[in-house]
Protein backbone atom coordinates (compact mmCIF):
# COMPACT_ATOMS: atom_id res chain seq x y z
CA MET A 1 103.05 116.22 128.13
CA SER A 2 103.80 117.85 124.77
CA ILE A 3 101.65 115.31 122.90
CA ARG A 4 98.39 116.79 124.17
CA LYS A 5 99.11 120.37 123.11
CA ARG A 6 100.32 119.31 119.62
CA ILE A 7 97.10 117.55 118.59
CA GLY A 8 95.79 120.73 116.93
CA PHE A 9 98.68 120.55 114.47
CA ARG A 10 97.41 117.30 112.93
CA ARG A 11 95.83 118.90 109.88
CA HIS A 12 96.77 116.23 107.35
CA SER A 13 95.16 112.89 106.59
CA ALA A 14 97.41 110.00 105.54
CA THR A 15 96.53 106.79 103.75
CA PHE A 16 99.00 103.90 103.87
CA TYR A 17 99.31 101.27 101.15
CA ARG A 18 101.06 97.89 100.90
CA HIS A 19 102.16 96.28 97.62
CA ASP A 20 100.22 93.11 96.87
CA GLY A 21 103.21 91.26 95.40
CA SER A 22 102.19 91.57 91.73
CA VAL A 23 104.97 91.15 89.19
CA ASP A 24 105.29 91.99 85.49
CA THR A 25 106.13 89.56 82.66
CA TYR A 26 109.83 89.77 83.61
CA GLY A 27 109.18 88.85 87.24
CA GLN A 28 109.83 92.36 88.56
CA PRO A 29 107.47 93.92 91.17
CA THR A 30 104.98 96.38 89.67
CA TYR A 31 105.49 99.20 92.15
CA GLY A 32 104.53 101.86 89.58
CA ASP A 33 101.00 100.53 89.07
CA ASP A 34 98.63 102.06 91.64
CA ALA A 35 96.18 99.16 91.23
CA ASP A 36 98.76 96.80 92.77
CA TRP A 37 98.73 98.60 96.13
CA ASP A 38 96.21 97.67 98.85
CA VAL A 39 95.01 100.08 101.55
CA VAL A 40 96.39 99.29 105.01
CA THR A 41 95.19 102.36 106.92
CA THR A 42 93.06 105.27 105.77
CA ALA A 43 92.35 108.77 107.14
CA TRP A 44 95.12 108.73 109.77
CA PRO A 45 95.31 112.32 111.15
CA CYS A 46 98.89 113.54 111.33
CA GLU A 47 101.21 116.51 111.54
CA LEU A 48 103.54 116.74 108.52
CA VAL A 49 106.94 118.39 108.94
CA THR A 50 109.33 119.08 106.04
CA THR A 51 112.92 118.17 106.83
CA VAL A 52 116.25 117.17 105.30
CA GLY A 53 118.30 114.02 105.87
CA GLY A 54 120.46 114.14 108.97
CA GLU A 55 118.45 116.94 110.60
CA VAL A 56 117.53 116.62 114.27
CA LEU A 57 113.76 116.85 114.73
CA ARG A 58 112.24 116.67 118.19
CA GLY A 59 115.49 115.36 119.63
CA ARG A 60 116.03 112.55 117.11
CA MET A 61 118.05 112.56 113.90
CA VAL A 62 116.15 111.66 110.73
CA THR A 63 117.54 109.15 108.25
CA GLU A 64 119.57 110.37 105.28
CA LYS A 65 116.85 110.07 102.63
CA THR A 66 114.00 111.53 104.71
CA THR A 67 112.20 114.56 103.25
CA HIS A 68 109.17 114.70 105.58
CA VAL A 69 108.15 113.36 108.99
CA ALA A 70 104.57 112.58 109.98
CA PHE A 71 103.51 112.47 113.63
CA GLY A 72 100.18 111.04 114.77
CA GLU A 73 98.28 108.82 117.19
CA PHE A 74 99.76 105.39 117.89
CA PHE A 75 96.37 103.69 117.71
CA GLY A 76 94.70 103.59 114.32
CA ILE A 77 97.82 103.44 112.15
CA GLY A 78 98.15 99.66 112.03
CA ASP A 79 101.35 97.76 111.31
CA ILE A 80 103.29 100.07 108.96
CA THR A 81 106.69 99.05 107.59
CA VAL A 82 109.34 100.57 105.31
CA LYS A 83 107.97 98.41 102.45
CA ASP A 84 104.71 100.38 102.48
CA ARG A 85 103.96 103.77 100.99
CA CYS A 86 101.90 106.73 102.08
CA ILE A 87 99.77 109.34 100.32
CA ILE A 88 99.17 112.67 102.04
CA ASP A 89 97.26 115.43 100.23
CA GLY A 90 97.70 113.57 96.93
CA VAL A 91 101.49 113.33 97.27
CA LYS A 92 103.12 109.87 97.34
CA TYR A 93 105.84 109.10 99.89
CA GLY A 94 107.98 106.06 100.56
CA ILE A 95 108.52 105.17 104.22
CA THR A 96 112.12 105.31 105.45
CA ASN A 97 111.54 104.65 109.17
CA THR A 98 108.77 104.23 111.75
CA SER A 99 109.09 104.53 115.50
CA ASP A 100 107.36 105.09 118.82
CA PRO A 101 109.51 108.08 119.92
CA ASP A 102 108.58 108.03 123.60
CA GLY A 103 108.18 104.27 123.92
CA ILE A 104 104.76 104.61 125.55
CA SER A 105 102.47 103.78 122.58
CA MET A 106 100.96 107.28 122.41
CA GLU A 107 102.47 108.74 119.25
CA VAL A 108 104.00 107.34 116.05
CA ARG A 109 106.77 109.00 114.06
CA VAL A 110 106.81 108.03 110.37
CA GLU A 111 109.78 109.25 108.33
CA LEU A 112 108.93 109.72 104.65
CA ARG A 113 110.80 110.10 101.37
CA GLY A 114 109.12 112.02 98.57
CA GLU A 115 108.56 109.88 95.47
CA ASN A 116 108.52 111.05 91.85
CA ASN A 117 105.05 112.56 91.60
CA SER A 118 104.95 113.33 87.90
C-alpha cells in the first residue's frame, strides 16, 4: 500500500478552525476576526502539496480554486467541512473539498485555498 511508505512525508502540522457564528453590527459573519474561530482539531500531521485548480493529483482532479492539498491520517482529523479553515505553518487556508480517497478510512485528502495572509 502506498499509504505506509508516504508517512515520512507528513512534515507539516495543521490546525482546523470552525467559525462560532459571531456577527457584526450589520448582521454579517465576522470571518476576519481570529477570536471568532474555535479550534476543531490541532496538530494533525500532514503532507502538503502545492497544486493548481484542475490539476490531477494522485489520480483525482482538484477543484478549480484549490492551491494546496493536505494528506494525512483519517483518524484524528475530526469532522472537517468546507465551512472550516486551516492553518499550516502560520498560513491560513480555506477548505474547498475533503474526501477519503481510497474509501477505506485510512487517509484523508483536504483540498485548500490560500487566503489573503497580509
